[in-house]
Protein backbone atom coordinates (compact mmCIF):
# COMPACT_ATOMS: atom_id res chain seq x y z
CA UNK A 1 -38.75 6.09 67.08
CA UNK A 2 -38.19 7.11 70.71
CA UNK A 3 -35.02 8.94 71.72
CA UNK A 4 -34.06 9.91 68.14
CA UNK A 5 -34.99 11.95 65.17
CA UNK A 6 -37.99 10.98 63.04
CA UNK A 7 -37.09 9.03 59.89
CA UNK A 8 -38.91 9.46 56.56
CA UNK A 9 -38.67 5.95 55.18
CA UNK A 10 -40.68 6.64 52.01
CA UNK A 11 -38.32 9.22 50.44
CA UNK A 12 -35.27 7.18 51.45
CA UNK A 13 -36.64 4.09 49.77
CA UNK A 14 -37.30 6.07 46.61
CA UNK A 15 -33.79 7.54 46.63
CA UNK A 16 -32.22 4.14 47.23
CA UNK A 17 -34.29 2.59 44.44
CA UNK A 18 -33.24 5.38 42.07
CA UNK A 19 -29.56 4.81 42.87
CA UNK A 20 -29.86 1.08 42.27
CA UNK A 21 -31.72 1.55 38.99
CA UNK A 22 -29.19 4.13 37.79
CA UNK A 23 -26.30 1.86 38.71
CA UNK A 24 -27.88 -1.07 36.87
CA UNK A 25 -28.46 1.10 33.81
CA UNK A 26 -24.84 2.23 33.81
CA UNK A 27 -23.62 -1.35 34.15
CA UNK A 28 -25.87 -2.47 31.31
CA UNK A 29 -24.69 0.40 29.14
CA UNK A 30 -21.04 -0.40 29.85
CA UNK A 31 -21.67 -4.08 29.14
CA UNK A 32 -23.27 -3.10 25.84
CA UNK A 33 -20.27 -0.95 24.92
CA UNK A 34 -17.84 -3.72 25.89
CA UNK A 35 -19.84 -6.24 23.89
CA UNK A 36 -19.90 -3.93 20.87
CA UNK A 37 -16.16 -3.33 21.12
CA UNK A 38 -15.51 -7.03 21.43
CA UNK A 39 -17.79 -7.76 18.49
CA UNK A 40 -16.05 -5.09 16.40
CA UNK A 41 -12.71 -6.69 17.25
CA UNK A 42 -14.00 -10.12 16.23
CA UNK A 43 -15.55 -8.77 13.05
CA UNK A 44 -12.32 -6.96 12.20
CA UNK A 45 -10.37 -10.19 12.11
CA UNK A 46 -13.12 -12.37 10.71
CA UNK A 47 -14.48 -10.28 7.86
CA UNK A 48 -15.89 -12.68 5.23
CA UNK A 49 -14.53 -10.39 2.52
CA UNK A 50 -11.01 -11.42 3.56
CA UNK A 51 -11.58 -15.08 2.63
CA UNK A 52 -9.80 -16.02 -0.57
CA UNK A 53 -9.82 -19.82 -0.54
CA UNK A 54 -13.61 -19.93 -0.94
CA UNK A 55 -13.70 -17.41 -3.80
CA UNK A 56 -10.66 -18.18 -5.98
CA UNK A 57 -11.41 -18.94 -9.62
CA UNK A 58 -9.20 -20.77 -12.18
CA UNK A 59 -7.53 -18.27 -14.50
CA UNK A 60 -4.87 -18.37 -17.18
CA UNK A 61 -2.31 -21.01 -18.12
CA UNK A 62 -0.24 -22.89 -15.57
CA UNK A 63 3.01 -20.96 -16.04
CA UNK A 64 3.40 -17.27 -16.76
CA UNK A 65 6.00 -15.95 -14.33
CA UNK A 66 8.51 -18.75 -13.64
CA UNK A 67 8.85 -20.47 -17.00
CA UNK A 68 12.62 -19.97 -17.00
CA UNK A 69 12.93 -22.53 -14.17
CA UNK A 70 12.42 -26.14 -15.21
CA UNK A 71 10.77 -28.60 -12.85
CA UNK A 72 14.01 -30.52 -12.13
CA UNK A 73 15.87 -27.25 -11.50
CA UNK A 74 13.11 -26.03 -9.20
CA UNK A 75 13.23 -29.25 -7.17
CA UNK A 76 17.03 -29.06 -6.91
CA UNK A 77 17.05 -25.44 -5.79
CA UNK A 78 14.32 -26.01 -3.24
CA UNK A 79 16.18 -29.00 -1.82
CA UNK A 80 19.69 -27.52 -1.82
CA UNK A 81 19.34 -23.72 -1.81
CA UNK A 82 15.75 -22.54 -1.19
CA UNK A 83 16.88 -18.96 -0.49
CA UNK A 84 17.93 -18.64 -4.15
CA UNK A 85 14.27 -18.85 -5.20
CA UNK A 86 13.24 -15.70 -3.36
CA UNK A 87 9.90 -15.30 -1.60
CA UNK A 88 7.36 -18.09 -2.02
CA UNK A 89 3.63 -17.71 -1.27
CA UNK A 90 2.00 -21.01 -0.34
CA UNK A 91 -1.76 -21.55 -0.49
CA UNK A 92 -4.28 -18.76 -0.04
CA UNK A 93 -4.40 -15.46 1.82
CA UNK A 94 -6.68 -17.06 4.41
CA UNK A 95 -5.12 -20.55 4.34
CA UNK A 96 -1.43 -20.28 3.60
CA UNK A 97 2.06 -19.28 4.64
CA UNK A 98 5.31 -17.84 3.27
CA UNK A 99 8.80 -19.18 2.64
CA UNK A 100 11.71 -16.70 2.42
CA UNK A 101 9.52 -13.78 3.48
CA UNK A 102 10.89 -10.24 3.18
CA UNK A 103 10.60 -7.74 6.04
CA UNK A 104 9.40 -4.21 5.39
CA UNK A 105 12.44 -1.94 5.75
CA UNK A 106 12.58 1.40 7.53
CA UNK A 107 12.16 4.59 5.50
CA UNK A 108 11.22 8.25 6.10
CA UNK A 109 8.12 7.76 3.91
CA UNK A 110 6.50 5.25 6.26
CA UNK A 111 6.36 3.89 9.81
CA UNK A 112 6.27 0.15 10.49
CA UNK A 113 4.08 -0.03 13.58
CA UNK A 114 4.61 -3.76 14.26
CA UNK A 115 8.00 -4.91 12.91
CA UNK A 116 7.41 -8.47 14.16
CA UNK A 117 4.42 -8.72 11.80
CA UNK A 118 5.87 -6.83 8.82
CA UNK A 119 6.82 -9.77 6.59
CA UNK A 120 5.49 -10.46 3.11
CA UNK A 121 6.40 -11.49 -0.40
CA UNK A 122 8.92 -9.46 -2.36
CA UNK A 123 6.16 -8.13 -4.62
CA UNK A 124 4.11 -6.96 -1.63
CA UNK A 125 7.03 -5.16 0.01
CA UNK A 126 8.02 -3.48 -3.25
CA UNK A 127 4.45 -2.40 -3.95
CA UNK A 128 4.01 -0.85 -0.52
CA UNK A 129 7.32 1.03 -0.74
CA UNK A 130 6.43 2.37 -4.20
CA UNK A 131 3.03 3.66 -3.06
CA UNK A 132 4.26 5.23 0.17
CA UNK A 133 7.01 7.08 -1.71
CA UNK A 134 4.52 8.29 -4.32
CA UNK A 135 2.39 9.87 -1.58
CA UNK A 136 5.48 11.39 0.05
CA UNK A 137 6.49 13.03 -3.25
CA UNK A 138 3.03 14.57 -3.63
CA UNK A 139 2.88 15.67 0.02
CA UNK A 140 6.49 16.20 1.16
CA UNK A 141 5.43 17.80 4.46
CA UNK A 142 3.08 14.96 5.37
CA UNK A 143 3.56 12.62 8.29
CA UNK A 144 4.75 9.18 7.18
CA UNK A 145 2.28 6.52 6.09
CA UNK A 146 1.51 3.93 8.77
CA UNK A 147 1.84 0.23 8.06
CA UNK A 148 0.18 -1.98 10.65
CA UNK A 149 -0.18 -5.76 10.29
CA UNK A 150 1.33 -7.39 7.23
CA UNK A 151 2.26 -10.97 8.21
CA UNK A 152 4.44 -13.17 10.39
CA UNK A 153 7.90 -14.28 9.25
CA UNK A 154 6.61 -17.70 8.16
CA UNK A 155 3.09 -16.54 7.37
CA UNK A 156 0.21 -18.57 8.69
CA UNK A 157 -2.45 -17.49 11.15
CA UNK A 158 -2.06 -13.98 12.51
CA UNK A 159 -4.43 -13.06 15.33
CA UNK A 160 -7.07 -11.65 14.94
CA UNK A 161 -7.18 -11.82 11.15
CA UNK A 162 -8.76 -14.33 8.84
CA UNK A 163 -6.22 -13.54 6.13
CA UNK A 164 -2.65 -12.08 6.28
CA UNK A 165 -1.31 -15.64 5.93
CA UNK A 166 0.41 -15.86 2.54
CA UNK A 167 2.41 -12.62 2.49
CA UNK A 168 0.06 -10.58 0.29
CA UNK A 169 -2.14 -8.64 2.74
CA UNK A 170 -1.33 -5.34 4.43
CA UNK A 171 -3.26 -3.02 6.76
CA UNK A 172 -2.52 0.65 6.11
CA UNK A 173 -3.71 3.38 8.48
CA UNK A 174 -5.49 6.51 7.29
CA UNK A 175 -3.95 9.96 6.99
CA UNK A 176 -5.80 12.38 9.29
CA UNK A 177 -6.24 16.14 9.13
CA UNK A 178 -3.46 17.86 11.00
CA UNK A 179 -1.80 14.44 11.41
CA UNK A 180 -3.72 13.95 14.65
CA UNK A 181 -4.86 10.45 15.54
CA UNK A 182 -8.62 10.07 15.71
CA UNK A 183 -10.01 9.25 19.18
CA UNK A 184 -11.47 5.77 19.58
CA UNK A 185 -15.03 5.65 18.26
CA UNK A 186 -14.77 9.03 16.51
CA UNK A 187 -16.29 9.31 13.00
CA UNK A 188 -13.29 8.74 10.72
CA UNK A 189 -15.15 10.13 7.71
CA UNK A 190 -14.98 13.63 9.22
CA UNK A 191 -11.41 13.44 10.52
CA UNK A 192 -9.53 11.75 7.67
CA UNK A 193 -7.61 13.76 5.08
CA UNK A 194 -9.30 13.05 1.72
CA UNK A 195 -6.43 14.34 -0.42
CA UNK A 196 -3.67 12.12 0.97
CA UNK A 197 -5.89 9.07 1.37
CA UNK A 198 -7.08 9.39 -2.21
CA UNK A 199 -3.46 9.77 -3.39
CA UNK A 200 -2.62 6.54 -1.54
CA UNK A 201 -5.61 4.70 -2.99
CA UNK A 202 -4.96 5.98 -6.51
CA UNK A 203 -1.31 4.95 -6.39
CA UNK A 204 -2.24 1.45 -5.19
CA UNK A 205 -4.62 1.03 -8.12
CA UNK A 206 -2.56 2.59 -10.90
CA UNK A 207 1.03 1.76 -9.88
CA UNK A 208 0.84 -1.72 -8.32
CA UNK A 209 -0.73 -5.11 -9.00
CA UNK A 210 -3.36 -4.76 -6.31
CA UNK A 211 -5.99 -7.49 -6.09
CA UNK A 212 -8.50 -5.83 -3.77
CA UNK A 213 -8.84 -3.06 -1.19
CA UNK A 214 -11.28 -3.46 1.70
CA UNK A 215 -12.65 -0.38 3.46
CA UNK A 216 -15.96 0.74 4.92
CA UNK A 217 -18.48 2.22 2.49
CA UNK A 218 -18.65 5.49 4.43
CA UNK A 219 -14.93 6.01 3.86
CA UNK A 220 -15.38 5.16 0.18
CA UNK A 221 -18.03 7.86 -0.18
CA UNK A 222 -15.67 10.53 1.19
CA UNK A 223 -12.88 9.50 -1.17
CA UNK A 224 -15.20 9.26 -4.17
CA UNK A 225 -16.55 12.77 -3.58
CA UNK A 226 -13.02 14.13 -3.30
CA UNK A 227 -11.93 12.35 -6.49
CA UNK A 228 -14.87 13.80 -8.42
CA UNK A 229 -14.17 17.27 -7.03
CA UNK A 230 -10.59 17.23 -8.36
CA UNK A 231 -11.70 16.07 -11.82
CA UNK A 232 -11.22 12.30 -11.83
CA UNK A 233 -13.10 10.43 -14.56
CA UNK A 234 -16.56 9.43 -13.32
CA UNK A 235 -16.73 6.19 -15.33
CA UNK A 236 -13.29 5.14 -14.13
CA UNK A 237 -14.28 5.85 -10.54
CA UNK A 238 -17.34 3.62 -10.89
CA UNK A 239 -14.99 0.78 -11.85
CA UNK A 240 -12.66 1.54 -8.95
CA UNK A 241 -15.36 1.63 -6.27
CA UNK A 242 -17.45 -1.09 -7.85
CA UNK A 243 -14.56 -3.43 -8.49
CA UNK A 244 -11.19 -3.27 -6.75
CA UNK A 245 -12.39 -1.30 -3.70
CA UNK A 246 -14.93 -3.34 -1.76
CA UNK A 247 -16.98 -2.69 1.36
CA UNK A 248 -15.97 -4.33 4.63
CA UNK A 249 -18.02 -3.05 7.55
CA UNK A 250 -15.33 -3.48 10.21
CA UNK A 251 -12.66 -1.62 8.21
CA UNK A 252 -13.41 1.93 9.31
CA UNK A 253 -9.92 3.09 10.29
CA UNK A 254 -7.61 1.45 7.74
CA UNK A 255 -7.26 0.08 4.24
CA UNK A 256 -6.91 -3.69 3.97
CA UNK A 257 -4.88 -4.19 0.80
CA UNK A 258 -4.23 -7.49 -0.95
CA UNK A 259 -1.62 -7.64 -3.70
CA UNK A 260 -1.02 -10.10 -6.46
CA UNK A 261 2.43 -11.62 -6.01
CA UNK A 262 2.65 -13.47 -9.32
CA UNK A 263 6.12 -14.95 -9.11
CA UNK A 264 5.83 -15.85 -5.42
CA UNK A 265 2.37 -17.35 -5.93
CA UNK A 266 3.40 -19.38 -8.96
CA UNK A 267 6.45 -20.72 -7.14
CA UNK A 268 4.21 -21.70 -4.24
CA UNK A 269 1.82 -23.52 -6.52
CA UNK A 270 4.66 -25.42 -8.22
CA UNK A 271 6.46 -26.25 -4.98
CA UNK A 272 3.48 -27.40 -2.95
CA UNK A 273 3.76 -31.05 -4.14
CA UNK A 274 7.52 -30.92 -3.39
CA UNK A 275 7.32 -29.68 0.19
CA UNK A 276 8.21 -33.14 1.52
CA UNK A 277 11.74 -32.52 0.23
CA UNK A 278 12.16 -30.15 3.15
CA UNK A 279 10.25 -31.48 6.17
CA UNK A 280 10.53 -28.19 8.09
CA UNK A 281 8.51 -26.52 5.32
CA UNK A 282 6.05 -29.37 4.81
CA UNK A 283 2.91 -28.14 6.55
CA UNK A 284 -0.78 -27.71 6.00
CA UNK A 285 -3.50 -25.77 7.83
CA UNK A 286 -6.45 -27.46 9.53
CA UNK A 287 -9.64 -25.61 10.49
CA UNK A 288 -10.98 -26.96 13.79
CA UNK A 289 -14.51 -28.36 13.49
CA UNK A 290 -16.99 -29.59 16.11
CA UNK A 291 -15.74 -32.74 17.82
CA UNK A 292 -12.11 -32.36 16.68
CA UNK A 293 -9.36 -33.43 19.07
CA UNK A 294 -5.60 -33.27 18.68
CA UNK A 295 -5.51 -37.06 18.43
CA UNK A 296 -8.04 -37.05 15.58
CA UNK A 297 -6.24 -34.27 13.73
CA UNK A 298 -2.84 -35.94 14.09
CA UNK A 299 -4.25 -39.27 12.86
CA UNK A 300 -5.94 -37.64 9.86
CA UNK A 301 -2.70 -36.08 8.64
CA UNK A 302 -0.48 -39.03 9.67
CA UNK A 303 1.56 -36.96 12.10
CA UNK A 304 1.88 -36.80 15.90
CA UNK A 305 0.13 -34.83 18.62
CA UNK A 306 3.51 -33.61 19.87
CA UNK A 307 4.35 -32.22 16.40
CA UNK A 308 1.04 -30.37 16.21
CA UNK A 309 1.57 -28.94 19.70
CA UNK A 310 5.07 -27.69 18.83
CA UNK A 311 3.98 -26.13 15.55
CA UNK A 312 1.20 -24.16 17.26
CA UNK A 313 2.88 -23.49 20.63
CA UNK A 314 0.06 -25.27 22.45
CA UNK A 315 0.44 -25.90 26.16
CA UNK A 316 -0.58 -29.15 27.81
CA UNK A 317 -4.08 -27.97 28.72
CA UNK A 318 -4.78 -25.78 25.69
CA UNK A 319 -8.35 -26.10 24.42
CA UNK A 320 -9.26 -26.09 20.74
CA UNK A 321 -11.77 -23.52 19.47
CA UNK A 322 -14.25 -23.89 16.64
CA UNK A 323 -12.79 -22.25 13.54
CA UNK A 324 -9.26 -22.20 14.98
CA UNK A 325 -6.52 -22.64 12.38
CA UNK A 326 -3.87 -25.20 13.28
CA UNK A 327 -0.58 -25.60 11.47
CA UNK A 328 -0.06 -29.34 10.96
CA UNK A 329 3.43 -30.69 10.12
CA UNK A 330 3.23 -33.43 7.49
CA UNK A 331 5.39 -36.49 6.91
CA UNK A 332 4.44 -37.13 3.30
CA UNK A 333 3.57 -34.99 0.30
CA UNK A 334 1.33 -31.99 0.97
CA UNK A 335 -1.60 -33.47 -0.92
CA UNK A 336 -4.13 -32.42 1.72
CA UNK A 337 -3.40 -28.70 1.31
CA UNK A 338 -5.71 -26.68 -0.93
CA UNK A 339 -3.90 -25.97 -4.20
CA UNK A 340 -4.63 -22.47 -5.54
CA UNK A 341 -5.53 -22.03 -9.22
CA UNK A 342 -2.94 -20.60 -11.60
CA UNK A 343 -2.47 -16.87 -11.16
CA UNK A 344 -2.74 -14.36 -13.99
CA UNK A 345 -2.51 -10.69 -13.02
CA UNK A 346 -5.13 -8.62 -14.87
CA UNK A 347 -4.25 -5.31 -16.54
CA UNK A 348 -4.10 -2.37 -14.15
CA UNK A 349 -7.13 -0.11 -13.94
CA UNK A 350 -5.70 3.08 -15.43
CA UNK A 351 -7.88 6.21 -15.79
CA UNK A 352 -8.45 7.40 -19.35
CA UNK A 353 -6.53 10.34 -20.69
CA UNK A 354 -8.51 13.58 -20.35
CA UNK A 355 -10.21 14.72 -23.55
CA UNK A 356 -8.60 17.76 -25.22
CA UNK A 357 -10.28 21.04 -24.34
CA UNK A 358 -11.43 23.60 -26.91
CA UNK A 359 -8.64 25.96 -25.82
CA UNK A 360 -6.02 23.38 -26.76
CA UNK A 361 -7.51 22.58 -30.20
CA UNK A 362 -4.78 22.89 -32.84
CA UNK A 363 -6.63 21.85 -35.99
CA UNK A 364 -8.61 19.00 -37.45
CA UNK A 365 -12.16 18.39 -36.31
CA UNK A 366 -13.24 20.64 -33.50
CA UNK A 367 -14.66 18.21 -30.90
CA UNK A 368 -17.27 20.82 -29.93
CA UNK A 369 -18.56 21.01 -33.53
CA UNK A 370 -18.35 17.38 -34.60
CA UNK A 371 -21.69 15.80 -35.58
CA UNK A 372 -22.91 12.32 -36.41
CA UNK A 373 -23.06 13.32 -40.07
């Protein structure tokens, strides 16, 4: 080029191409990370292991925990003084709600991270308090336990969870070494404190009526190794980690705990046909399917579009999503709601007493010398 410096177009093109390729790679990598984070968030709230309505099995007789209340007395109390009945768990953990829910109180042994979502049945609140205090007694210098989502005041859908609807589910954060929070994406297996987390898990299993505990298998392996190292019974541990404690791949930083709430659940089962006595409590839950509209849903349940909008805080232009759970106010009996089977709490999974050692033998047959003869 005349009147200027010579330009080397070849190297410049190569440099420019390299910059563009590098930028595209970074954008793709970031998009992949964002997509993975979003997917993890979706999986967290939509774990199939949380579904109860599709897995519940009939067990036990109809009445075990509320036999002292006759049917006429139950109807009268629900109509005139529902608070006198205490907490009531309606439906299932993934398709239900709560009446007279109890809020988790404050205490030095735990921190309620989201007070607005810290409501549950009386049995759930009592079980959590008992377990947190057990851990505090064993580790008096520990930071408090951390309670995250439990449930809304009236139960029902709690974003982003599939369950947490009937007052019996709680998310409990891990204890970490040095009480330092793990950075996002860090391997929790290496940073969690096995001793305190095992104490929490053991107390849940042996001191409360826990139904299931969901946590990632990698976390389970850490806790199982610790339990074996401190002398826990191997056979008992196989029942713990093969039964009550179940794998949920998106539960890598907390325990998802579901309790039995026998009295609250039985009251809910008995009261479900009587919900029309109190219209403000007479509701069901509808799962949005392909082609559903608010008009169709309202017609199906013999209610109004306006009532459905109010119950779900839907704005005028709100769009329905596949799988969305809608609370539907009913005008008649709640016959369209899924009725749970009777509840019967199984015996707690208690570890066996340790066998006597030779040093403590005080007579009789020496266990070391006993034979089949």
